[in-house]
Amino acid sequence: MARRLTMRAEDGTASVDPDMMQEAIQRLAAYEDMHDDLEARYEDLEVKVEERKAAGTIKGAVGNQLLAQKVALKTTLGMFEIYGIED
């Protein structure tokens, strides 16, 4: 498990030890990259699902897999919203 780089005060504010600032910035950048990638994958899946719906092939095995992936990504992106990470 990755060690935490930030600390939470009792009032909910976050801070980082100045000696850890560069590492914290790099980790934040990695989280933002991951978020961008998840959003792009979700948008791609939306297009594929709509194409299959239009073609009438959404009920097959591949269609079911696409729908399952879409739900999983939506759930993951929803966690970003719950924690206030989503813009």
N, C-alpha and C. Protein backbone atom coordinates (compact mmCIF):
# COMPACT_ATOMS: atom_id res chain seq x y z
N MET A 1 0.85 -1.17 0.00
CA MET A 1 0.00 0.00 0.00
C MET A 1 0.90 1.24 0.00
N ALA A 2 0.55 2.22 -0.79
CA ALA A 2 1.33 3.46 -0.87
C ALA A 2 1.19 4.25 0.43
N ARG A 3 2.29 4.85 0.83
CA ARG A 3 2.20 5.67 2.05
C ARG A 3 1.54 7.00 1.72
N ARG A 4 0.82 7.50 2.66
CA ARG A 4 0.09 8.74 2.49
C ARG A 4 1.07 9.92 2.56
N LEU A 5 0.92 10.87 1.64
CA LEU A 5 1.80 12.03 1.59
C LEU A 5 1.16 13.27 2.20
N THR A 6 -0.14 13.24 2.40
CA THR A 6 -0.84 14.39 2.97
C THR A 6 -1.33 14.06 4.37
N MET A 7 -1.65 15.11 5.10
CA MET A 7 -2.22 14.96 6.44
C MET A 7 -3.51 15.76 6.50
N ARG A 8 -4.48 15.25 7.24
CA ARG A 8 -5.75 15.96 7.43
C ARG A 8 -5.80 16.54 8.83
N ALA A 9 -6.14 17.82 8.93
CA ALA A 9 -6.35 18.45 10.23
C ALA A 9 -7.77 18.13 10.70
N GLU A 10 -8.04 18.40 11.96
CA GLU A 10 -9.37 18.13 12.50
C GLU A 10 -10.45 18.90 11.75
N ASP A 11 -10.10 20.08 11.20
CA ASP A 11 -11.10 20.87 10.46
C ASP A 11 -11.27 20.40 9.02
N GLY A 12 -10.55 19.34 8.63
CA GLY A 12 -10.70 18.77 7.29
C GLY A 12 -9.72 19.30 6.26
N THR A 13 -8.96 20.33 6.60
CA THR A 13 -8.00 20.85 5.64
C THR A 13 -6.84 19.87 5.47
N ALA A 14 -6.24 19.92 4.29
CA ALA A 14 -5.13 19.01 3.98
C ALA A 14 -3.83 19.81 3.92
N SER A 15 -2.74 19.14 4.27
CA SER A 15 -1.42 19.76 4.16
C SER A 15 -0.41 18.68 3.80
N VAL A 16 0.76 19.14 3.37
CA VAL A 16 1.84 18.21 3.03
C VAL A 16 3.14 18.77 3.61
N ASP A 17 3.97 17.88 4.09
CA ASP A 17 5.29 18.27 4.60
C ASP A 17 6.07 18.88 3.43
N PRO A 18 6.64 20.07 3.60
CA PRO A 18 7.38 20.70 2.49
C PRO A 18 8.47 19.80 1.90
N ASP A 19 9.06 18.93 2.71
CA ASP A 19 10.09 18.02 2.21
C ASP A 19 9.51 16.95 1.27
N MET A 20 8.19 16.76 1.33
CA MET A 20 7.52 15.75 0.51
C MET A 20 6.76 16.37 -0.66
N MET A 21 6.90 17.68 -0.86
CA MET A 21 6.10 18.39 -1.86
C MET A 21 6.27 17.81 -3.26
N GLN A 22 7.50 17.58 -3.71
CA GLN A 22 7.71 17.08 -5.07
C GLN A 22 7.08 15.71 -5.26
N GLU A 23 7.24 14.84 -4.27
CA GLU A 23 6.64 13.52 -4.35
C GLU A 23 5.11 13.62 -4.36
N ALA A 24 4.57 14.54 -3.57
CA ALA A 24 3.11 14.73 -3.53
C ALA A 24 2.60 15.24 -4.87
N ILE A 25 3.33 16.14 -5.49
CA ILE A 25 2.93 16.66 -6.81
C ILE A 25 2.96 15.54 -7.84
N GLN A 26 3.99 14.71 -7.80
CA GLN A 26 4.08 13.60 -8.76
C GLN A 26 2.92 12.62 -8.57
N ARG A 27 2.58 12.35 -7.32
CA ARG A 27 1.47 11.43 -7.07
C ARG A 27 0.16 12.05 -7.53
N LEU A 28 -0.05 13.32 -7.26
CA LEU A 28 -1.26 14.00 -7.73
C LEU A 28 -1.35 13.93 -9.25
N ALA A 29 -0.24 14.17 -9.92
CA ALA A 29 -0.22 14.09 -11.39
C ALA A 29 -0.60 12.69 -11.86
N ALA A 30 -0.13 11.66 -11.17
CA ALA A 30 -0.47 10.28 -11.54
C ALA A 30 -1.97 10.03 -11.36
N TYR A 31 -2.54 10.52 -10.27
CA TYR A 31 -3.99 10.37 -10.06
C TYR A 31 -4.77 11.11 -11.15
N GLU A 32 -4.33 12.31 -11.50
CA GLU A 32 -5.02 13.05 -12.56
C GLU A 32 -4.89 12.34 -13.90
N ASP A 33 -3.73 11.77 -14.19
CA ASP A 33 -3.55 11.00 -15.42
C ASP A 33 -4.50 9.80 -15.44
N MET A 34 -4.59 9.10 -14.29
CA MET A 34 -5.48 7.95 -14.20
C MET A 34 -6.93 8.38 -14.42
N HIS A 35 -7.33 9.48 -13.80
CA HIS A 35 -8.70 9.97 -13.95
C HIS A 35 -9.00 10.29 -15.41
N ASP A 36 -8.07 10.99 -16.07
CA ASP A 36 -8.26 11.32 -17.49
C ASP A 36 -8.39 10.05 -18.33
N ASP A 37 -7.56 9.05 -18.04
CA ASP A 37 -7.61 7.79 -18.78
C ASP A 37 -8.94 7.08 -18.56
N LEU A 38 -9.41 7.04 -17.32
CA LEU A 38 -10.70 6.40 -17.04
C LEU A 38 -11.84 7.10 -17.76
N GLU A 39 -11.83 8.44 -17.78
CA GLU A 39 -12.87 9.18 -18.49
C GLU A 39 -12.82 8.88 -19.99
N ALA A 40 -11.63 8.83 -20.57
CA ALA A 40 -11.49 8.54 -22.00
C ALA A 40 -12.00 7.13 -22.31
N ARG A 41 -11.66 6.16 -21.46
CA ARG A 41 -12.14 4.79 -21.67
C ARG A 41 -13.66 4.73 -21.56
N TYR A 42 -14.23 5.46 -20.60
CA TYR A 42 -15.68 5.47 -20.43
C TYR A 42 -16.35 6.05 -21.68
N GLU A 43 -15.83 7.17 -22.18
CA GLU A 43 -16.40 7.78 -23.38
C GLU A 43 -16.31 6.83 -24.57
N ASP A 44 -15.18 6.12 -24.71
CA ASP A 44 -15.00 5.15 -25.79
C ASP A 44 -16.03 4.02 -25.67
N LEU A 45 -16.25 3.55 -24.44
CA LEU A 45 -17.24 2.49 -24.22
C LEU A 45 -18.65 2.97 -24.55
N GLU A 46 -18.96 4.23 -24.21
CA GLU A 46 -20.28 4.77 -24.54
C GLU A 46 -20.53 4.71 -26.04
N VAL A 47 -19.51 5.08 -26.82
CA VAL A 47 -19.63 5.04 -28.28
C VAL A 47 -19.84 3.61 -28.76
N LYS A 48 -19.04 2.67 -28.25
CA LYS A 48 -19.17 1.27 -28.67
C LYS A 48 -20.54 0.70 -28.31
N VAL A 49 -21.03 1.04 -27.12
CA VAL A 49 -22.35 0.55 -26.69
C VAL A 49 -23.43 1.12 -27.61
N GLU A 50 -23.37 2.40 -27.90
CA GLU A 50 -24.37 3.02 -28.79
C GLU A 50 -24.31 2.41 -30.19
N GLU A 51 -23.11 2.12 -30.69
CA GLU A 51 -22.98 1.49 -32.00
C GLU A 51 -23.64 0.11 -32.00
N ARG A 52 -23.42 -0.65 -30.95
CA ARG A 52 -24.03 -1.98 -30.86
C ARG A 52 -25.54 -1.89 -30.72
N LYS A 53 -26.01 -0.90 -29.96
CA LYS A 53 -27.46 -0.72 -29.84
C LYS A 53 -28.07 -0.41 -31.20
N ALA A 54 -27.43 0.49 -31.94
CA ALA A 54 -27.92 0.87 -33.26
C ALA A 54 -27.91 -0.31 -34.22
N ALA A 55 -26.92 -1.20 -34.07
CA ALA A 55 -26.81 -2.37 -34.94
C ALA A 55 -27.67 -3.53 -34.45
N GLY A 56 -28.25 -3.39 -33.25
CA GLY A 56 -29.08 -4.46 -32.70
C GLY A 56 -28.28 -5.63 -32.17
N THR A 57 -27.01 -5.40 -31.82
CA THR A 57 -26.17 -6.50 -31.35
C THR A 57 -25.73 -6.33 -29.89
N ILE A 58 -26.41 -5.50 -29.15
CA ILE A 58 -26.01 -5.23 -27.76
C ILE A 58 -26.30 -6.42 -26.85
N LYS A 59 -27.20 -7.32 -27.24
CA LYS A 59 -27.59 -8.42 -26.35
C LYS A 59 -26.66 -9.63 -26.42
N GLY A 60 -25.65 -9.57 -27.28
CA GLY A 60 -24.70 -10.68 -27.37
C GLY A 60 -23.68 -10.64 -26.25
N ALA A 61 -22.79 -11.61 -26.25
CA ALA A 61 -21.77 -11.72 -25.21
C ALA A 61 -20.86 -10.49 -25.17
N VAL A 62 -20.44 -10.03 -26.34
CA VAL A 62 -19.56 -8.85 -26.39
C VAL A 62 -20.31 -7.62 -25.88
N GLY A 63 -21.57 -7.49 -26.26
CA GLY A 63 -22.37 -6.37 -25.77
C GLY A 63 -22.50 -6.39 -24.26
N ASN A 64 -22.71 -7.57 -23.70
CA ASN A 64 -22.80 -7.69 -22.25
C ASN A 64 -21.48 -7.32 -21.57
N GLN A 65 -20.37 -7.72 -22.18
CA GLN A 65 -19.06 -7.36 -21.62
C GLN A 65 -18.85 -5.85 -21.66
N LEU A 66 -19.25 -5.23 -22.76
CA LEU A 66 -19.11 -3.78 -22.87
C LEU A 66 -19.95 -3.07 -21.81
N LEU A 67 -21.18 -3.54 -21.61
CA LEU A 67 -22.04 -2.94 -20.59
C LEU A 67 -21.46 -3.12 -19.20
N ALA A 68 -20.90 -4.29 -18.92
CA ALA A 68 -20.28 -4.54 -17.61
C ALA A 68 -19.07 -3.62 -17.39
N GLN A 69 -18.26 -3.45 -18.43
CA GLN A 69 -17.11 -2.55 -18.32
C GLN A 69 -17.56 -1.12 -18.10
N LYS A 70 -18.63 -0.73 -18.78
CA LYS A 70 -19.16 0.63 -18.63
C LYS A 70 -19.62 0.87 -17.20
N VAL A 71 -20.34 -0.09 -16.63
CA VAL A 71 -20.81 0.03 -15.25
C VAL A 71 -19.62 0.11 -14.29
N ALA A 72 -18.62 -0.72 -14.49
CA ALA A 72 -17.44 -0.71 -13.61
C ALA A 72 -16.72 0.63 -13.67
N LEU A 73 -16.55 1.17 -14.87
CA LEU A 73 -15.88 2.46 -15.00
C LEU A 73 -16.71 3.58 -14.40
N LYS A 74 -18.02 3.53 -14.60
CA LYS A 74 -18.90 4.56 -14.02
C LYS A 74 -18.83 4.53 -12.50
N THR A 75 -18.77 3.34 -11.93
CA THR A 75 -18.64 3.20 -10.47
C THR A 75 -17.32 3.80 -9.99
N THR A 76 -16.25 3.50 -10.69
CA THR A 76 -14.94 4.04 -10.32
C THR A 76 -14.93 5.56 -10.43
N LEU A 77 -15.45 6.10 -11.53
CA LEU A 77 -15.51 7.55 -11.69
C LEU A 77 -16.40 8.18 -10.62
N GLY A 78 -17.45 7.46 -10.22
CA GLY A 78 -18.32 7.95 -9.16
C GLY A 78 -17.58 8.11 -7.84
N MET A 79 -16.61 7.24 -7.59
CA MET A 79 -15.81 7.37 -6.37
C MET A 79 -15.01 8.67 -6.38
N PHE A 80 -14.52 9.07 -7.54
CA PHE A 80 -13.82 10.36 -7.63
C PHE A 80 -14.76 11.49 -7.22
N GLU A 81 -16.02 11.42 -7.66
CA GLU A 81 -17.00 12.45 -7.29
C GLU A 81 -17.27 12.44 -5.79
N ILE A 82 -17.44 11.26 -5.21
CA ILE A 82 -17.73 11.15 -3.77
C ILE A 82 -16.62 11.81 -2.95
N TYR A 83 -15.39 11.65 -3.38
CA TYR A 83 -14.26 12.21 -2.64
C TYR A 83 -13.88 13.62 -3.09
N GLY A 84 -14.70 14.22 -3.95
CA GLY A 84 -14.48 15.60 -4.36
C GLY A 84 -13.32 15.79 -5.31
N ILE A 85 -12.92 14.72 -6.00
CA ILE A 85 -11.79 14.81 -6.92
C ILE A 85 -12.24 15.24 -8.32
N GLU A 86 -13.46 14.90 -8.67
CA GLU A 86 -14.03 15.25 -9.98
C GLU A 86 -14.23 16.75 -10.07
N ASP A 87 -13.90 17.36 -11.26
CA ASP A 87 -14.16 18.79 -11.39
C ASP A 87 -15.63 19.04 -11.61
